[in-house]
Amino acid sequence: MIPVPDTLITTDILLRAYAAGLFPMAESADDPGLFWIEPRERGIIPLDTFHVSSRLARTVAADHFEIRVDTDFEAVIDGCAAPNRGREETWINQRIRALYGELFEQGVCHTIEAWREGVLVGGLYGLELGSAFFGESMFHRERDASKVALVHLVSRLRMGKFNLLDTQFVTPHLARFGAIEIARRNYMQLLNKAITLQAEWWGIPREQHMNGAEALKILQAA
């Protein structure tokens, strides 16, 4: 961990840090400071071996949730920062909110949102740099909501020709989708290549709604 005064971190510095293999966190929501994290082992989900269980595939195909993209960053980060079972405290402080909010306005930070009857019940956010996507956090208020959002994320990344999906760490939850840990040296090789290549977040156009069957078809075609 490398402490750094939060006032010195701008969105430009933040993106430079990601390109160097670093990412920021805070000790808690009330802690005004930030520090850089540089894991020896980095979590990634290889996009070509992303795994969806048969049960989850049925849920995705049934369109239990309305999936929206980049429509409500504040609601998504509120959900990610909220306490839940197994996570009573959050590392998302006000400076994190402000920085990623700016990147959202710039079109660099993105959200995948799962809605039901007009209520946000799950989702995730992260940012893009070249053909790399850095997943930051996800949440759910209904069963499978964040999982369905992740399936739609990976489908979008494949359509947009992304090469790297960074998860920072590997949790049992992410391991079910094929997440693995790799050494920092290997991660940097993948990252250095990915940030030099172009990808298109809107490879599925903003006005085009992708349903669950279409998302699964993209995954099966890879």
C-alpha atoms as a PDB file:
ATOM      1  CA  MET A   1       0.000   0.000   0.000  1.00  0.00           C
ATOM      2  CA  ILE A   2       1.286   3.449  -0.961  1.00  0.00           C
ATOM      3  CA  PRO A   3      -0.479   6.298   0.909  1.00  0.00           C
ATOM      4  CA  VAL A   4      -1.089   9.460  -1.095  1.00  0.00           C
ATOM      5  CA  PRO A   5      -2.944  12.697  -0.250  1.00  0.00           C
ATOM      6  CA  ASP A   6      -6.275  12.471  -2.042  1.00  0.00           C
ATOM      7  CA  THR A   7      -6.034  16.098  -3.159  1.00  0.00           C
ATOM      8  CA  LEU A   8      -3.078  15.149  -5.376  1.00  0.00           C
ATOM      9  CA  ILE A   9      -5.065  12.571  -7.326  1.00  0.00           C
ATOM     10  CA  THR A  10      -6.775  13.823 -10.456  1.00  0.00           C
ATOM     11  CA  THR A  11      -8.583  11.771 -13.081  1.00  0.00           C
ATOM     12  CA  ASP A  12      -5.507  12.021 -15.315  1.00  0.00           C
ATOM     13  CA  ILE A  13      -3.235  10.713 -12.562  1.00  0.00           C
ATOM     14  CA  LEU A  14      -5.767   7.984 -11.821  1.00  0.00           C
ATOM     15  CA  LEU A  15      -5.686   6.734 -15.410  1.00  0.00           C
ATOM     16  CA  ARG A  16      -1.880   6.869 -15.447  1.00  0.00           C
ATOM     17  CA  ALA A  17      -1.872   4.758 -12.285  1.00  0.00           C
ATOM     18  CA  TYR A  18      -4.119   2.134 -13.868  1.00  0.00           C
ATOM     19  CA  ALA A  19      -1.789   2.012 -16.865  1.00  0.00           C
ATOM     20  CA  ALA A  20       1.064   1.318 -14.424  1.00  0.00           C
ATOM     21  CA  GLY A  21      -0.810  -1.502 -12.674  1.00  0.00           C
ATOM     22  CA  LEU A  22      -2.026   0.472  -9.636  1.00  0.00           C
ATOM     23  CA  PHE A  23      -5.499   1.253  -8.353  1.00  0.00           C
ATOM     24  CA  PRO A  24      -6.745   3.362  -5.403  1.00  0.00           C
ATOM     25  CA  MET A  25      -8.682   2.414  -2.298  1.00  0.00           C
ATOM     26  CA  ALA A  26      -9.614   4.026   1.013  1.00  0.00           C
ATOM     27  CA  GLU A  27      -9.593   2.476   4.463  1.00  0.00           C
ATOM     28  CA  SER A  28     -13.273   3.271   4.935  1.00  0.00           C
ATOM     29  CA  ALA A  29     -16.048   5.522   3.672  1.00  0.00           C
ATOM     30  CA  ASP A  30     -15.199   8.090   6.341  1.00  0.00           C
ATOM     31  CA  ASP A  31     -11.448   8.108   5.715  1.00  0.00           C
ATOM     32  CA  PRO A  32     -10.572  11.115   3.517  1.00  0.00           C
ATOM     33  CA  GLY A  33      -7.273   9.614   2.366  1.00  0.00           C
ATOM     34  CA  LEU A  34      -6.457   7.180  -0.432  1.00  0.00           C
ATOM     35  CA  PHE A  35      -3.680   4.710  -1.040  1.00  0.00           C
ATOM     36  CA  TRP A  36      -2.410   2.853  -4.087  1.00  0.00           C
ATOM     37  CA  ILE A  37      -2.708  -0.920  -4.289  1.00  0.00           C
ATOM     38  CA  GLU A  38      -0.233  -2.998  -6.307  1.00  0.00           C
ATOM     39  CA  PRO A  39      -1.039  -6.696  -5.739  1.00  0.00           C
ATOM     40  CA  ARG A  40       1.656  -9.300  -6.292  1.00  0.00           C
ATOM     41  CA  GLU A  41      -1.069 -11.553  -7.677  1.00  0.00           C
ATOM     42  CA  ARG A  42      -3.679  -9.869  -9.861  1.00  0.00           C
ATOM     43  CA  GLY A  43      -7.187 -11.136 -10.531  1.00  0.00           C
ATOM     44  CA  ILE A  44      -8.444 -11.314 -14.105  1.00  0.00           C
ATOM     45  CA  ILE A  45     -11.245 -13.073 -15.964  1.00  0.00           C
ATOM     46  CA  PRO A  46      -9.949 -14.386 -19.299  1.00  0.00           C
ATOM     47  CA  LEU A  47     -12.625 -13.260 -21.732  1.00  0.00           C
ATOM     48  CA  ASP A  48     -12.299 -16.349 -23.908  1.00  0.00           C
ATOM     49  CA  THR A  49     -12.925 -18.762 -21.023  1.00  0.00           C
ATOM     50  CA  PHE A  50     -15.660 -16.881 -19.161  1.00  0.00           C
ATOM     51  CA  HIS A  51     -17.975 -19.488 -17.637  1.00  0.00           C
ATOM     52  CA  VAL A  52     -21.740 -19.219 -17.181  1.00  0.00           C
ATOM     53  CA  SER A  53     -23.497 -22.036 -15.326  1.00  0.00           C
ATOM     54  CA  SER A  54     -26.561 -23.602 -16.918  1.00  0.00           C
ATOM     55  CA  ARG A  55     -28.753 -22.274 -14.099  1.00  0.00           C
ATOM     56  CA  LEU A  56     -27.502 -18.729 -14.541  1.00  0.00           C
ATOM     57  CA  ALA A  57     -27.812 -19.010 -18.319  1.00  0.00           C
ATOM     58  CA  ARG A  58     -31.511 -19.790 -17.893  1.00  0.00           C
ATOM     59  CA  THR A  59     -31.889 -16.743 -15.647  1.00  0.00           C
ATOM     60  CA  VAL A  60     -30.102 -14.523 -18.172  1.00  0.00           C
ATOM     61  CA  ALA A  61     -32.213 -15.841 -21.048  1.00  0.00           C
ATOM     62  CA  ALA A  62     -35.434 -15.286 -19.092  1.00  0.00           C
ATOM     63  CA  ASP A  63     -34.728 -11.531 -18.817  1.00  0.00           C
ATOM     64  CA  HIS A  64     -35.763 -11.291 -15.190  1.00  0.00           C
ATOM     65  CA  PHE A  65     -33.975  -7.950 -15.101  1.00  0.00           C
ATOM     66  CA  GLU A  66     -33.955  -4.999 -17.451  1.00  0.00           C
ATOM     67  CA  ILE A  67     -30.303  -4.309 -18.239  1.00  0.00           C
ATOM     68  CA  ARG A  68     -29.350  -0.672 -18.741  1.00  0.00           C
ATOM     69  CA  VAL A  69     -25.925   0.727 -19.556  1.00  0.00           C
ATOM     70  CA  ASP A  70     -24.447   4.000 -18.285  1.00  0.00           C
ATOM     71  CA  THR A  71     -27.712   5.521 -17.102  1.00  0.00           C
ATOM     72  CA  ASP A  72     -27.282   6.058 -13.331  1.00  0.00           C
ATOM     73  CA  PHE A  73     -23.734   6.096 -11.985  1.00  0.00           C
ATOM     74  CA  GLU A  74     -24.721   7.618  -8.635  1.00  0.00           C
ATOM     75  CA  ALA A  75     -27.249   4.870  -7.919  1.00  0.00           C
ATOM     76  CA  VAL A  76     -24.758   2.169  -8.852  1.00  0.00           C
ATOM     77  CA  ILE A  77     -21.950   3.495  -6.678  1.00  0.00           C
ATOM     78  CA  ASP A  78     -24.457   3.973  -3.835  1.00  0.00           C
ATOM     79  CA  GLY A  79     -25.339   0.292  -4.167  1.00  0.00           C
ATOM     80  CA  CYS A  80     -21.687  -0.746  -4.262  1.00  0.00           C
ATOM     81  CA  ALA A  81     -20.909   1.341  -1.169  1.00  0.00           C
ATOM     82  CA  ALA A  82     -23.886   0.153   0.878  1.00  0.00           C
ATOM     83  CA  PRO A  83     -23.283  -2.405   3.660  1.00  0.00           C
ATOM     84  CA  ASN A  84     -24.535  -5.906   2.996  1.00  0.00           C
ATOM     85  CA  ARG A  85     -24.125  -9.429   4.271  1.00  0.00           C
ATOM     86  CA  GLY A  86     -20.420 -10.217   4.493  1.00  0.00           C
ATOM     87  CA  ARG A  87     -19.394  -6.596   3.893  1.00  0.00           C
ATOM     88  CA  GLU A  88     -20.303  -4.173   6.638  1.00  0.00           C
ATOM     89  CA  GLU A  89     -17.822  -1.466   5.625  1.00  0.00           C
ATOM     90  CA  THR A  90     -16.843  -0.036   2.265  1.00  0.00           C
ATOM     91  CA  TRP A  91     -13.623   1.323   0.782  1.00  0.00           C
ATOM     92  CA  ILE A  92     -15.613   3.792  -1.349  1.00  0.00           C
ATOM     93  CA  ASN A  93     -15.151   7.250   0.154  1.00  0.00           C
ATOM     94  CA  GLN A  94     -16.177  10.671  -1.125  1.00  0.00           C
ATOM     95  CA  ARG A  95     -12.978  11.154  -3.136  1.00  0.00           C
ATOM     96  CA  ILE A  96     -13.508   7.832  -4.912  1.00  0.00           C
ATOM     97  CA  ARG A  97     -17.063   8.876  -5.709  1.00  0.00           C
ATOM     98  CA  ALA A  98     -15.916  12.215  -7.093  1.00  0.00           C
ATOM     99  CA  LEU A  99     -13.075  10.817  -9.228  1.00  0.00           C
ATOM    100  CA  TYR A 100     -15.066   8.034 -10.818  1.00  0.00           C
ATOM    101  CA  GLY A 101     -18.037  10.336 -11.212  1.00  0.00           C
ATOM    102  CA  GLU A 102     -15.822  12.661 -13.281  1.00  0.00           C
ATOM    103  CA  LEU A 103     -14.625   9.709 -15.360  1.00  0.00           C
ATOM    104  CA  PHE A 104     -18.239   8.677 -15.909  1.00  0.00           C
ATOM    105  CA  GLU A 105     -19.018  12.124 -17.251  1.00  0.00           C
ATOM    106  CA  GLN A 106     -15.984  11.812 -19.530  1.00  0.00           C
ATOM    107  CA  GLY A 107     -17.243   8.473 -20.871  1.00  0.00           C
ATOM    108  CA  VAL A 108     -14.353   6.482 -19.369  1.00  0.00           C
ATOM    109  CA  CYS A 109     -16.148   4.956 -16.384  1.00  0.00           C
ATOM    110  CA  HIS A 110     -19.142   2.733 -17.155  1.00  0.00           C
ATOM    111  CA  THR A 111     -22.018   0.987 -15.432  1.00  0.00           C
ATOM    112  CA  ILE A 112     -24.020  -2.126 -16.163  1.00  0.00           C
ATOM    113  CA  GLU A 113     -27.310  -1.937 -14.275  1.00  0.00           C
ATOM    114  CA  ALA A 114     -29.960  -4.535 -13.455  1.00  0.00           C
ATOM    115  CA  TRP A 115     -33.412  -3.023 -12.945  1.00  0.00           C
ATOM    116  CA  ARG A 116     -36.723  -4.577 -11.979  1.00  0.00           C
ATOM    117  CA  GLU A 117     -39.989  -2.636 -12.174  1.00  0.00           C
ATOM    118  CA  GLY A 118     -38.118   0.654 -12.219  1.00  0.00           C
ATOM    119  CA  VAL A 119     -35.908  -0.154  -9.213  1.00  0.00           C
ATOM    120  CA  LEU A 120     -32.160  -0.706  -9.426  1.00  0.00           C
ATOM    121  CA  VAL A 121     -31.506  -4.123  -7.849  1.00  0.00           C
ATOM    122  CA  GLY A 122     -27.923  -4.798  -8.888  1.00  0.00           C
ATOM    123  CA  GLY A 123     -25.052  -3.733 -11.058  1.00  0.00           C
ATOM    124  CA  LEU A 124     -21.384  -2.958 -11.395  1.00  0.00           C
ATOM    125  CA  TYR A 125     -19.030  -0.199 -12.473  1.00  0.00           C
ATOM    126  CA  GLY A 126     -15.532   0.007 -13.863  1.00  0.00           C
ATOM    127  CA  LEU A 127     -13.417   1.920 -16.322  1.00  0.00           C
ATOM    128  CA  GLU A 128     -11.858   1.388 -19.726  1.00  0.00           C
ATOM    129  CA  LEU A 129      -8.363   2.144 -20.906  1.00  0.00           C
ATOM    130  CA  GLY A 130      -7.502   1.050 -24.422  1.00  0.00           C
ATOM    131  CA  SER A 131      -8.800  -2.504 -24.686  1.00  0.00           C
ATOM    132  CA  ALA A 132      -8.612  -3.119 -20.925  1.00  0.00           C
ATOM    133  CA  PHE A 133     -11.623  -2.932 -18.607  1.00  0.00           C
ATOM    134  CA  PHE A 134     -11.028  -2.575 -14.881  1.00  0.00           C
ATOM    135  CA  GLY A 135     -13.933  -3.857 -12.801  1.00  0.00           C
ATOM    136  CA  GLU A 136     -14.222  -1.830  -9.609  1.00  0.00           C
ATOM    137  CA  SER A 137     -17.194  -3.057  -7.625  1.00  0.00           C
ATOM    138  CA  MET A 138     -20.549  -4.810  -7.944  1.00  0.00           C
ATOM    139  CA  PHE A 139     -23.628  -5.246  -5.790  1.00  0.00           C
ATOM    140  CA  HIS A 140     -26.998  -6.968  -5.704  1.00  0.00           C
ATOM    141  CA  ARG A 141     -30.252  -6.520  -3.840  1.00  0.00           C
ATOM    142  CA  GLU A 142     -31.943  -9.449  -5.572  1.00  0.00           C
ATOM    143  CA  ARG A 143     -30.539 -12.881  -6.252  1.00  0.00           C
ATOM    144  CA  ASP A 144     -28.451 -13.103  -9.441  1.00  0.00           C
ATOM    145  CA  ALA A 145     -28.773  -9.406 -10.295  1.00  0.00           C
ATOM    146  CA  SER A 146     -25.018  -8.715 -10.202  1.00  0.00           C
ATOM    147  CA  LYS A 147     -24.273 -12.033 -11.929  1.00  0.00           C
ATOM    148  CA  VAL A 148     -26.570 -11.159 -14.824  1.00  0.00           C
ATOM    149  CA  ALA A 149     -24.923  -7.724 -15.019  1.00  0.00           C
ATOM    150  CA  LEU A 150     -21.514  -9.426 -15.242  1.00  0.00           C
ATOM    151  CA  VAL A 151     -22.703 -11.674 -18.077  1.00  0.00           C
ATOM    152  CA  HIS A 152     -23.893  -8.614 -19.997  1.00  0.00           C
ATOM    153  CA  LEU A 153     -20.586  -6.864 -19.269  1.00  0.00           C
ATOM    154  CA  VAL A 154     -18.517  -9.696 -20.713  1.00  0.00           C
ATOM    155  CA  SER A 155     -20.760  -9.908 -23.774  1.00  0.00           C
ATOM    156  CA  ARG A 156     -20.259  -6.186 -24.350  1.00  0.00           C
ATOM    157  CA  LEU A 157     -16.500  -6.475 -23.876  1.00  0.00           C
ATOM    158  CA  ARG A 158     -16.318  -9.285 -26.416  1.00  0.00           C
ATOM    159  CA  MET A 159     -18.372  -7.358 -28.941  1.00  0.00           C
ATOM    160  CA  GLY A 160     -16.175  -4.304 -28.408  1.00  0.00           C
ATOM    161  CA  LYS A 161     -12.901  -6.227 -28.939  1.00  0.00           C
ATOM    162  CA  PHE A 162     -11.604  -5.788 -25.392  1.00  0.00           C
ATOM    163  CA  ASN A 163      -8.617  -7.935 -24.443  1.00  0.00           C
ATOM    164  CA  LEU A 164      -8.388  -7.709 -20.658  1.00  0.00           C
ATOM    165  CA  LEU A 165     -10.941  -7.842 -17.827  1.00  0.00           C
ATOM    166  CA  ASP A 166      -9.227  -6.915 -14.572  1.00  0.00           C
ATOM    167  CA  THR A 167     -10.990  -7.934 -11.342  1.00  0.00           C
ATOM    168  CA  GLN A 168      -8.186  -6.761  -8.992  1.00  0.00           C
ATOM    169  CA  PHE A 169      -8.622  -9.792  -6.725  1.00  0.00           C
ATOM    170  CA  VAL A 170     -10.218 -13.229  -7.052  1.00  0.00           C
ATOM    171  CA  THR A 171     -13.152 -14.060  -4.800  1.00  0.00           C
ATOM    172  CA  PRO A 172     -15.019 -17.387  -4.641  1.00  0.00           C
ATOM    173  CA  HIS A 173     -17.870 -15.595  -6.417  1.00  0.00           C
ATOM    174  CA  LEU A 174     -15.676 -14.522  -9.343  1.00  0.00           C
ATOM    175  CA  ALA A 175     -13.854 -17.856  -9.474  1.00  0.00           C
ATOM    176  CA  ARG A 176     -17.133 -19.479 -10.548  1.00  0.00           C
ATOM    177  CA  PHE A 177     -16.955 -17.392 -13.719  1.00  0.00           C
ATOM    178  CA  GLY A 178     -13.376 -18.419 -14.446  1.00  0.00           C
ATOM    179  CA  ALA A 179     -11.443 -15.693 -12.618  1.00  0.00           C
ATOM    180  CA  ILE A 180      -7.796 -16.540 -11.995  1.00  0.00           C
ATOM    181  CA  GLU A 181      -4.789 -14.975 -10.295  1.00  0.00           C
ATOM    182  CA  ILE A 182      -1.646 -14.222 -12.281  1.00  0.00           C
ATOM    183  CA  ALA A 183       1.734 -12.894 -11.223  1.00  0.00           C
ATOM    184  CA  ARG A 184       2.269  -9.150 -11.500  1.00  0.00           C
ATOM    185  CA  ARG A 185       4.872  -9.623 -14.243  1.00  0.00           C
ATOM    186  CA  ASN A 186       2.411 -11.582 -16.385  1.00  0.00           C
ATOM    187  CA  TYR A 187      -0.349  -9.114 -15.621  1.00  0.00           C
ATOM    188  CA  MET A 188       1.796  -6.183 -16.746  1.00  0.00           C
ATOM    189  CA  GLN A 189       2.546  -7.933 -20.034  1.00  0.00           C
ATOM    190  CA  LEU A 190      -1.194  -8.294 -20.684  1.00  0.00           C
ATOM    191  CA  LEU A 191      -1.899  -4.742 -19.515  1.00  0.00           C
ATOM    192  CA  ASN A 192       0.864  -3.116 -21.565  1.00  0.00           C
ATOM    193  CA  LYS A 193      -0.500  -4.754 -24.691  1.00  0.00           C
ATOM    194  CA  ALA A 194      -4.165  -4.059 -23.895  1.00  0.00           C
ATOM    195  CA  ILE A 195      -3.769  -0.325 -23.301  1.00  0.00           C
ATOM    196  CA  THR A 196      -2.160   0.135 -26.723  1.00  0.00           C
ATOM    197  CA  LEU A 197      -5.103  -1.444 -28.557  1.00  0.00           C
ATOM    198  CA  GLN A 198      -8.411   0.188 -29.375  1.00  0.00           C
ATOM    199  CA  ALA A 199     -11.734  -1.205 -28.183  1.00  0.00           C
ATOM    200  CA  GLU A 200     -15.303   0.078 -28.457  1.00  0.00           C
ATOM    201  CA  TRP A 201     -17.532   0.183 -25.395  1.00  0.00           C
ATOM    202  CA  TRP A 202     -20.462   1.021 -27.654  1.00  0.00           C
ATOM    203  CA  GLY A 203     -19.796  -1.885 -30.013  1.00  0.00           C
ATOM    204  CA  ILE A 204     -23.379  -2.615 -29.078  1.00  0.00           C
ATOM    205  CA  PRO A 205     -24.863   0.817 -29.847  1.00  0.00           C
ATOM    206  CA  ARG A 206     -26.294   2.904 -27.024  1.00  0.00           C
ATOM    207  CA  GLU A 207     -29.776   2.854 -28.561  1.00  0.00           C
ATOM    208  CA  GLN A 208     -29.768  -0.930 -29.032  1.00  0.00           C
ATOM    209  CA  HIS A 209     -31.174  -2.985 -26.180  1.00  0.00           C
ATOM    210  CA  MET A 210     -29.433  -6.349 -25.807  1.00  0.00           C
ATOM    211  CA  ASN A 211     -31.600  -9.033 -24.244  1.00  0.00           C
ATOM    212  CA  GLY A 212     -30.331 -12.070 -22.388  1.00  0.00           C
ATOM    213  CA  ALA A 213     -30.539 -14.465 -25.326  1.00  0.00           C
ATOM    214  CA  GLU A 214     -28.439 -12.092 -27.424  1.00  0.00           C
ATOM    215  CA  ALA A 215     -25.853 -11.733 -24.648  1.00  0.00           C
ATOM    216  CA  LEU A 216     -25.522 -15.492 -24.346  1.00  0.00           C
ATOM    217  CA  LYS A 217     -25.226 -15.886 -28.114  1.00  0.00           C
ATOM    218  CA  ILE A 218     -22.242 -13.531 -28.122  1.00  0.00           C
ATOM    219  CA  LEU A 219     -20.558 -15.594 -25.414  1.00  0.00           C
ATOM    220  CA  GLN A 220     -21.207 -18.859 -27.227  1.00  0.00           C
ATOM    221  CA  ALA A 221     -19.817 -17.486 -30.485  1.00  0.00           C
ATOM    222  CA  ALA A 222     -16.389 -16.711 -29.035  1.00  0.00           C
END
